[in-house]
Amino acid sequence: MAGGEIALASGRSVTRLRAQPAVSDMDGGVLEARTTVDASALRAFRRTGDLDLLVADAHHDLDAASADQRQVKAFFKACST
């Protein structure tokens, strides 16, 4: 899997990130990117629980279940301390 770009999207917020291949046993490989919790798509995800991962032509729905919304907020709280 070649490096390049991935994007996180939540609602109308999109955060594009430079990505590099990472070591993995997964077929097809894995891309890795870094960002901060204040990236626009992650701020929207924190509010809504809706998150999509866009890689090349692939779209992956990563939405949190409504029952998991409390854990989403706890995750961001832990990352912000």
PDB file of N, CA and C in Angstrom:
ATOM      1  N   MET A   1       0.857  -1.171   0.000  1.00  0.00           N
ATOM      2  CA  MET A   1       0.000   0.000   0.000  1.00  0.00           C
ATOM      3  C   MET A   1       0.901   1.231   0.000  1.00  0.00           C
ATOM      4  N   ALA A   2       0.699   2.081  -0.942  1.00  0.00           N
ATOM      5  CA  ALA A   2       1.522   3.290  -1.058  1.00  0.00           C
ATOM      6  C   ALA A   2       1.023   4.362  -0.098  1.00  0.00           C
ATOM      7  N   GLY A   3       1.911   5.268   0.258  1.00  0.00           N
ATOM      8  CA  GLY A   3       1.530   6.398   1.096  1.00  0.00           C
ATOM      9  C   GLY A   3       0.702   7.379   0.301  1.00  0.00           C
ATOM     10  N   GLY A   4       0.288   8.429   0.933  1.00  0.00           N
ATOM     11  CA  GLY A   4      -0.497   9.429   0.244  1.00  0.00           C
ATOM     12  C   GLY A   4      -1.333  10.201   1.221  1.00  0.00           C
ATOM     13  N   GLU A   5      -2.634  10.115   1.059  1.00  0.00           N
ATOM     14  CA  GLU A   5      -3.544  10.912   1.863  1.00  0.00           C
ATOM     15  C   GLU A   5      -4.738  10.086   2.283  1.00  0.00           C
ATOM     16  N   ILE A   6      -5.185  10.314   3.492  1.00  0.00           N
ATOM     17  CA  ILE A   6      -6.466   9.802   3.952  1.00  0.00           C
ATOM     18  C   ILE A   6      -7.274  11.013   4.400  1.00  0.00           C
ATOM     19  N   ALA A   7      -8.559  10.821   4.555  1.00  0.00           N
ATOM     20  CA  ALA A   7      -9.404  11.906   5.053  1.00  0.00           C
ATOM     21  C   ALA A   7     -10.377  11.352   6.077  1.00  0.00           C
ATOM     22  N   LEU A   8     -10.625  12.144   7.095  1.00  0.00           N
ATOM     23  CA  LEU A   8     -11.669  11.876   8.074  1.00  0.00           C
ATOM     24  C   LEU A   8     -12.785  12.865   7.801  1.00  0.00           C
ATOM     25  N   ALA A   9     -14.018  12.377   7.811  1.00  0.00           N
ATOM     26  CA  ALA A   9     -15.156  13.255   7.554  1.00  0.00           C
ATOM     27  C   ALA A   9     -16.241  13.017   8.598  1.00  0.00           C
ATOM     28  N   SER A  10     -16.850  14.101   9.024  1.00  0.00           N
ATOM     29  CA  SER A  10     -17.974  14.037   9.945  1.00  0.00           C
ATOM     30  C   SER A  10     -18.889  15.195   9.587  1.00  0.00           C
ATOM     31  N   GLY A  11     -20.073  14.856   9.093  1.00  0.00           N
ATOM     32  CA  GLY A  11     -20.968  15.895   8.607  1.00  0.00           C
ATOM     33  C   GLY A  11     -20.309  16.631   7.462  1.00  0.00           C
ATOM     34  N   ARG A  12     -20.257  17.954   7.548  1.00  0.00           N
ATOM     35  CA  ARG A  12     -19.625  18.762   6.494  1.00  0.00           C
ATOM     36  C   ARG A  12     -18.144  19.023   6.758  1.00  0.00           C
ATOM     37  N   SER A  13     -17.640  18.535   7.873  1.00  0.00           N
ATOM     38  CA  SER A  13     -16.237  18.747   8.229  1.00  0.00           C
ATOM     39  C   SER A  13     -15.373  17.628   7.660  1.00  0.00           C
ATOM     40  N   VAL A  14     -14.310  18.009   6.981  1.00  0.00           N
ATOM     41  CA  VAL A  14     -13.370  17.038   6.422  1.00  0.00           C
ATOM     42  C   VAL A  14     -11.962  17.455   6.829  1.00  0.00           C
ATOM     43  N   THR A  15     -11.196  16.492   7.320  1.00  0.00           N
ATOM     44  CA  THR A  15      -9.799  16.711   7.655  1.00  0.00           C
ATOM     45  C   THR A  15      -8.966  15.780   6.789  1.00  0.00           C
ATOM     46  N   ARG A  16      -8.113  16.365   5.954  1.00  0.00           N
ATOM     47  CA  ARG A  16      -7.222  15.587   5.083  1.00  0.00           C
ATOM     48  C   ARG A  16      -5.871  15.457   5.774  1.00  0.00           C
ATOM     49  N   LEU A  17      -5.337  14.246   5.746  1.00  0.00           N
ATOM     50  CA  LEU A  17      -4.096  13.960   6.459  1.00  0.00           C
ATOM     51  C   LEU A  17      -3.101  13.243   5.559  1.00  0.00           C
ATOM     52  N   ARG A  18      -1.840  13.651   5.647  1.00  0.00           N
ATOM     53  CA  ARG A  18      -0.786  12.917   4.944  1.00  0.00           C
ATOM     54  C   ARG A  18      -0.617  11.582   5.640  1.00  0.00           C
ATOM     55  N   ALA A  19      -0.493  10.530   4.868  1.00  0.00           N
ATOM     56  CA  ALA A  19      -0.397   9.183   5.433  1.00  0.00           C
ATOM     57  C   ALA A  19       0.827   8.457   4.894  1.00  0.00           C
ATOM     58  N   GLN A  20       1.344   7.577   5.715  1.00  0.00           N
ATOM     59  CA  GLN A  20       2.487   6.750   5.350  1.00  0.00           C
ATOM     60  C   GLN A  20       2.147   5.290   5.619  1.00  0.00           C
ATOM     61  N   PRO A  21       2.724   4.385   4.848  1.00  0.00           N
ATOM     62  CA  PRO A  21       2.506   2.957   5.130  1.00  0.00           C
ATOM     63  C   PRO A  21       3.052   2.615   6.519  1.00  0.00           C
ATOM     64  N   ALA A  22       2.355   1.731   7.213  1.00  0.00           N
ATOM     65  CA  ALA A  22       2.778   1.269   8.534  1.00  0.00           C
ATOM     66  C   ALA A  22       2.949  -0.244   8.492  1.00  0.00           C
ATOM     67  N   VAL A  23       3.809  -0.747   9.341  1.00  0.00           N
ATOM     68  CA  VAL A  23       4.036  -2.185   9.418  1.00  0.00           C
ATOM     69  C   VAL A  23       2.759  -2.863   9.903  1.00  0.00           C
ATOM     70  N   SER A  24       2.341  -3.907   9.179  1.00  0.00           N
ATOM     71  CA  SER A  24       1.103  -4.599   9.537  1.00  0.00           C
ATOM     72  C   SER A  24       1.081  -5.975   8.885  1.00  0.00           C
ATOM     73  N   ASP A  25       0.398  -6.905   9.528  1.00  0.00           N
ATOM     74  CA  ASP A  25       0.179  -8.230   8.956  1.00  0.00           C
ATOM     75  C   ASP A  25      -1.113  -8.281   8.143  1.00  0.00           C
ATOM     76  N   MET A  26      -1.826  -7.177   8.057  1.00  0.00           N
ATOM     77  CA  MET A  26      -3.097  -7.151   7.332  1.00  0.00           C
ATOM     78  C   MET A  26      -2.849  -7.213   5.833  1.00  0.00           C
ATOM     79  N   ASP A  27      -3.696  -7.954   5.143  1.00  0.00           N
ATOM     80  CA  ASP A  27      -3.617  -8.005   3.684  1.00  0.00           C
ATOM     81  C   ASP A  27      -3.865  -6.608   3.129  1.00  0.00           C
ATOM     82  N   GLY A  28      -3.059  -6.207   2.175  1.00  0.00           N
ATOM     83  CA  GLY A  28      -3.229  -4.896   1.556  1.00  0.00           C
ATOM     84  C   GLY A  28      -2.521  -3.778   2.282  1.00  0.00           C
ATOM     85  N   GLY A  29      -2.075  -4.020   3.514  1.00  0.00           N
ATOM     86  CA  GLY A  29      -1.336  -3.014   4.254  1.00  0.00           C
ATOM     87  C   GLY A  29      -2.216  -2.025   4.994  1.00  0.00           C
ATOM     88  N   VAL A  30      -1.555  -1.116   5.673  1.00  0.00           N
ATOM     89  CA  VAL A  30      -2.220  -0.120   6.511  1.00  0.00           C
ATOM     90  C   VAL A  30      -1.532   1.227   6.291  1.00  0.00           C
ATOM     91  N   LEU A  31      -2.316   2.284   6.257  1.00  0.00           N
ATOM     92  CA  LEU A  31      -1.771   3.635   6.235  1.00  0.00           C
ATOM     93  C   LEU A  31      -1.924   4.238   7.617  1.00  0.00           C
ATOM     94  N   GLU A  32      -0.953   5.053   8.002  1.00  0.00           N
ATOM     95  CA  GLU A  32      -0.963   5.690   9.309  1.00  0.00           C
ATOM     96  C   GLU A  32      -0.832   7.196   9.128  1.00  0.00           C
ATOM     97  N   ALA A  33      -1.610   7.945   9.908  1.00  0.00           N
ATOM     98  CA  ALA A  33      -1.543   9.404   9.863  1.00  0.00           C
ATOM     99  C   ALA A  33      -1.677   9.938  11.283  1.00  0.00           C
ATOM    100  N   ARG A  34      -1.194  11.142  11.485  1.00  0.00           N
ATOM    101  CA  ARG A  34      -1.284  11.783  12.797  1.00  0.00           C
ATOM    102  C   ARG A  34      -2.073  13.081  12.680  1.00  0.00           C
ATOM    103  N   THR A  35      -2.814  13.367  13.738  1.00  0.00           N
ATOM    104  CA  THR A  35      -3.536  14.630  13.825  1.00  0.00           C
ATOM    105  C   THR A  35      -3.743  14.947  15.296  1.00  0.00           C
ATOM    106  N   THR A  36      -4.488  15.978  15.562  1.00  0.00           N
ATOM    107  CA  THR A  36      -4.796  16.362  16.940  1.00  0.00           C
ATOM    108  C   THR A  36      -6.305  16.280  17.150  1.00  0.00           C
ATOM    109  N   VAL A  37      -6.713  16.280  18.409  1.00  0.00           N
ATOM    110  CA  VAL A  37      -8.144  16.169  18.706  1.00  0.00           C
ATOM    111  C   VAL A  37      -8.929  17.395  18.277  1.00  0.00           C
ATOM    112  N   ASP A  38      -8.237  18.485  17.943  1.00  0.00           N
ATOM    113  CA  ASP A  38      -8.963  19.675  17.508  1.00  0.00           C
ATOM    114  C   ASP A  38      -9.128  19.759  15.988  1.00  0.00           C
ATOM    115  N   ALA A  39      -8.772  18.696  15.260  1.00  0.00           N
ATOM    116  CA  ALA A  39      -9.026  18.659  13.813  1.00  0.00           C
ATOM    117  C   ALA A  39     -10.537  18.781  13.581  1.00  0.00           C
ATOM    118  N   SER A  40     -10.934  19.478  12.543  1.00  0.00           N
ATOM    119  CA  SER A  40     -12.357  19.789  12.344  1.00  0.00           C
ATOM    120  C   SER A  40     -13.243  18.543  12.297  1.00  0.00           C
ATOM    121  N   ALA A  41     -12.819  17.489  11.611  1.00  0.00           N
ATOM    122  CA  ALA A  41     -13.640  16.280  11.538  1.00  0.00           C
ATOM    123  C   ALA A  41     -13.750  15.605  12.905  1.00  0.00           C
ATOM    124  N   LEU A  42     -12.689  15.649  13.692  1.00  0.00           N
ATOM    125  CA  LEU A  42     -12.750  15.038  15.019  1.00  0.00           C
ATOM    126  C   LEU A  42     -13.591  15.865  15.985  1.00  0.00           C
ATOM    127  N   ARG A  43     -13.569  17.182  15.841  1.00  0.00           N
ATOM    128  CA  ARG A  43     -14.470  18.022  16.667  1.00  0.00           C
ATOM    129  C   ARG A  43     -15.923  17.676  16.366  1.00  0.00           C
ATOM    130  N   ALA A  44     -16.237  17.503  15.084  1.00  0.00           N
ATOM    131  CA  ALA A  44     -17.607  17.147  14.697  1.00  0.00           C
ATOM    132  C   ALA A  44     -17.954  15.748  15.190  1.00  0.00           C
ATOM    133  N   PHE A  45     -17.011  14.804  15.078  1.00  0.00           N
ATOM    134  CA  PHE A  45     -17.236  13.442  15.567  1.00  0.00           C
ATOM    135  C   PHE A  45     -17.529  13.456  17.064  1.00  0.00           C
ATOM    136  N   ARG A  46     -16.811  14.276  17.796  1.00  0.00           N
ATOM    137  CA  ARG A  46     -17.025  14.380  19.242  1.00  0.00           C
ATOM    138  C   ARG A  46     -18.464  14.793  19.549  1.00  0.00           C
ATOM    139  N   ARG A  47     -19.011  15.703  18.746  1.00  0.00           N
ATOM    140  CA  ARG A  47     -20.393  16.180  18.949  1.00  0.00           C
ATOM    141  C   ARG A  47     -21.432  15.187  18.469  1.00  0.00           C
ATOM    142  N   THR A  48     -21.165  14.540  17.323  1.00  0.00           N
ATOM    143  CA  THR A  48     -22.218  13.761  16.657  1.00  0.00           C
ATOM    144  C   THR A  48     -22.061  12.252  16.730  1.00  0.00           C
ATOM    145  N   GLY A  49     -20.822  11.778  16.888  1.00  0.00           N
ATOM    146  CA  GLY A  49     -20.568  10.336  16.844  1.00  0.00           C
ATOM    147  C   GLY A  49     -20.462   9.806  15.420  1.00  0.00           C
ATOM    148  N   ASP A  50     -20.594  10.674  14.428  1.00  0.00           N
ATOM    149  CA  ASP A  50     -20.519  10.273  13.020  1.00  0.00           C
ATOM    150  C   ASP A  50     -19.102  10.472  12.505  1.00  0.00           C
ATOM    151  N   LEU A  51     -18.521   9.420  11.891  1.00  0.00           N
ATOM    152  CA  LEU A  51     -17.172   9.527  11.354  1.00  0.00           C
ATOM    153  C   LEU A  51     -17.013   8.595  10.162  1.00  0.00           C
ATOM    154  N   ASP A  52     -16.420   9.117   9.107  1.00  0.00           N
ATOM    155  CA  ASP A  52     -16.111   8.330   7.917  1.00  0.00           C
ATOM    156  C   ASP A  52     -14.622   8.432   7.643  1.00  0.00           C
ATOM    157  N   LEU A  53     -14.046   7.328   7.190  1.00  0.00           N
ATOM    158  CA  LEU A  53     -12.649   7.283   6.769  1.00  0.00           C
ATOM    159  C   LEU A  53     -12.638   7.134   5.256  1.00  0.00           C
ATOM    160  N   LEU A  54     -11.950   8.029   4.582  1.00  0.00           N
ATOM    161  CA  LEU A  54     -11.874   8.009   3.114  1.00  0.00           C
ATOM    162  C   LEU A  54     -10.430   7.737   2.719  1.00  0.00           C
ATOM    163  N   VAL A  55     -10.240   6.651   1.973  1.00  0.00           N
ATOM    164  CA  VAL A  55      -8.914   6.262   1.491  1.00  0.00           C
ATOM    165  C   VAL A  55      -9.054   5.912   0.018  1.00  0.00           C
ATOM    166  N   ALA A  56      -8.395   6.705  -0.832  1.00  0.00           N
ATOM    167  CA  ALA A  56      -8.500   6.508  -2.288  1.00  0.00           C
ATOM    168  C   ALA A  56      -9.979   6.488  -2.654  1.00  0.00           C
ATOM    169  N   ASP A  57     -10.450   5.412  -3.277  1.00  0.00           N
ATOM    170  CA  ASP A  57     -11.859   5.320  -3.666  1.00  0.00           C
ATOM    171  C   ASP A  57     -12.718   4.614  -2.620  1.00  0.00           C
ATOM    172  N   ALA A  58     -12.138   4.248  -1.486  1.00  0.00           N
ATOM    173  CA  ALA A  58     -12.867   3.507  -0.459  1.00  0.00           C
ATOM    174  C   ALA A  58     -13.437   4.449   0.598  1.00  0.00           C
ATOM    175  N   HIS A  59     -14.640   4.119   1.047  1.00  0.00           N
ATOM    176  CA  HIS A  59     -15.346   4.894   2.069  1.00  0.00           C
ATOM    177  C   HIS A  59     -15.715   3.930   3.191  1.00  0.00           C
ATOM    178  N   HIS A  60     -15.246   4.206   4.408  1.00  0.00           N
ATOM    179  CA  HIS A  60     -15.500   3.327   5.550  1.00  0.00           C
ATOM    180  C   HIS A  60     -16.292   4.098   6.604  1.00  0.00           C
ATOM    181  N   ASP A  61     -17.461   3.604   6.937  1.00  0.00           N
ATOM    182  CA  ASP A  61     -18.334   4.210   7.936  1.00  0.00           C
ATOM    183  C   ASP A  61     -17.876   3.745   9.319  1.00  0.00           C
ATOM    184  N   LEU A  62     -17.456   4.683  10.157  1.00  0.00           N
ATOM    185  CA  LEU A  62     -16.963   4.366  11.495  1.00  0.00           C
ATOM    186  C   LEU A  62     -17.835   4.989  12.584  1.00  0.00           C
ATOM    187  N   ASP A  63     -19.099   5.231  12.265  1.00  0.00           N
ATOM    188  CA  ASP A  63     -19.991   5.898  13.214  1.00  0.00           C
ATOM    189  C   ASP A  63     -20.078   5.131  14.538  1.00  0.00           C
ATOM    190  N   ALA A  64     -20.085   5.878  15.618  1.00  0.00           N
ATOM    191  CA  ALA A  64     -20.298   5.291  16.941  1.00  0.00           C
ATOM    192  C   ALA A  64     -21.792   5.008  17.112  1.00  0.00           C
ATOM    193  N   ALA A  65     -22.106   3.885  17.703  1.00  0.00           N
ATOM    194  CA  ALA A  65     -23.506   3.582  18.027  1.00  0.00           C
ATOM    195  C   ALA A  65     -23.974   4.583  19.081  1.00  0.00           C
ATOM    196  N   SER A  66     -25.253   4.890  19.081  1.00  0.00           N
ATOM    197  CA  SER A  66     -25.756   5.879  20.048  1.00  0.00           C
ATOM    198  C   SER A  66     -25.441   5.457  21.480  1.00  0.00           C
ATOM    199  N   ALA A  67     -25.420   4.156  21.740  1.00  0.00           N
ATOM    200  CA  ALA A  67     -25.091   3.672  23.082  1.00  0.00           C
ATOM    201  C   ALA A  67     -23.626   3.930  23.445  1.00  0.00           C
ATOM    202  N   ASP A  68     -22.791   4.181  22.458  1.00  0.00           N
ATOM    203  CA  ASP A  68     -21.365   4.418  22.685  1.00  0.00           C
ATOM    204  C   ASP A  68     -20.998   5.893  22.781  1.00  0.00           C
ATOM    205  N   GLN A  69     -21.955   6.776  22.652  1.00  0.00           N
ATOM    206  CA  GLN A  69     -21.672   8.210  22.629  1.00  0.00           C
ATOM    207  C   GLN A  69     -20.957   8.665  23.905  1.00  0.00           C
ATOM    208  N   ARG A  70     -21.305   8.095  25.031  1.00  0.00           N
ATOM    209  CA  ARG A  70     -20.640   8.455  26.289  1.00  0.00           C
ATOM    210  C   ARG A  70     -19.149   8.105  26.229  1.00  0.00           C
ATOM    211  N   GLN A  71     -18.811   6.950  25.632  1.00  0.00           N
ATOM    212  CA  GLN A  71     -17.407   6.554  25.513  1.00  0.00           C
ATOM    213  C   GLN A  71     -16.648   7.470  24.550  1.00  0.00           C
ATOM    214  N   VAL A  72     -17.317   7.952  23.514  1.00  0.00           N
ATOM    215  CA  VAL A  72     -16.686   8.894  22.579  1.00  0.00           C
ATOM    216  C   VAL A  72     -16.301  10.159  23.336  1.00  0.00           C
ATOM    217  N   LYS A  73     -17.214  10.688  24.109  1.00  0.00           N
ATOM    218  CA  LYS A  73     -16.931  11.905  24.875  1.00  0.00           C
ATOM    219  C   LYS A  73     -15.826  11.654  25.915  1.00  0.00           C
ATOM    220  N   ALA A  74     -15.832  10.481  26.554  1.00  0.00           N
ATOM    221  CA  ALA A  74     -14.798  10.146  27.543  1.00  0.00           C
ATOM    222  C   ALA A  74     -13.428  10.040  26.876  1.00  0.00           C
ATOM    223  N   PHE A  75     -13.378   9.478  25.678  1.00  0.00           N
ATOM    224  CA  PHE A  75     -12.124   9.378  24.932  1.00  0.00           C
ATOM    225  C   PHE A  75     -11.542  10.764  24.686  1.00  0.00           C
ATOM    226  N   PHE A  76     -12.364  11.681  24.192  1.00  0.00           N
ATOM    227  CA  PHE A  76     -11.872  13.026  23.905  1.00  0.00           C
ATOM    228  C   PHE A  76     -11.482  13.767  25.187  1.00  0.00           C
ATOM    229  N   LYS A  77     -12.198  13.533  26.240  1.00  0.00           N
ATOM    230  CA  LYS A  77     -11.844  14.160  27.521  1.00  0.00           C
ATOM    231  C   LYS A  77     -10.475  13.662  27.974  1.00  0.00           C
ATOM    232  N   ALA A  78     -10.227  12.362  27.846  1.00  0.00           N
ATOM    233  CA  ALA A  78      -8.944  11.792  28.240  1.00  0.00           C
ATOM    234  C   ALA A  78      -7.810  12.326  27.366  1.00  0.00           C
ATOM    235  N   CYS A  79      -8.075  12.538  26.087  1.00  0.00           N
ATOM    236  CA  CYS A  79      -7.051  13.043  25.179  1.00  0.00           C
ATOM    237  C   CYS A  79      -6.733  14.511  25.419  1.00  0.00           C
ATOM    238  N   SER A  80      -7.649  15.217  26.036  1.00  0.00           N
ATOM    239  CA  SER A  80      -7.499  16.666  26.230  1.00  0.00           C
ATOM    240  C   SER A  80      -6.852  17.018  27.563  1.00  0.00           C
ATOM    241  N   THR A  81      -6.607  16.016  28.399  1.00  0.00           N
ATOM    242  CA  THR A  81      -6.025  16.326  29.714  1.00  0.00           C
ATOM    243  C   THR A  81      -4.541  16.158  29.723  1.00  0.00           C
TER     244      THR A  81
END
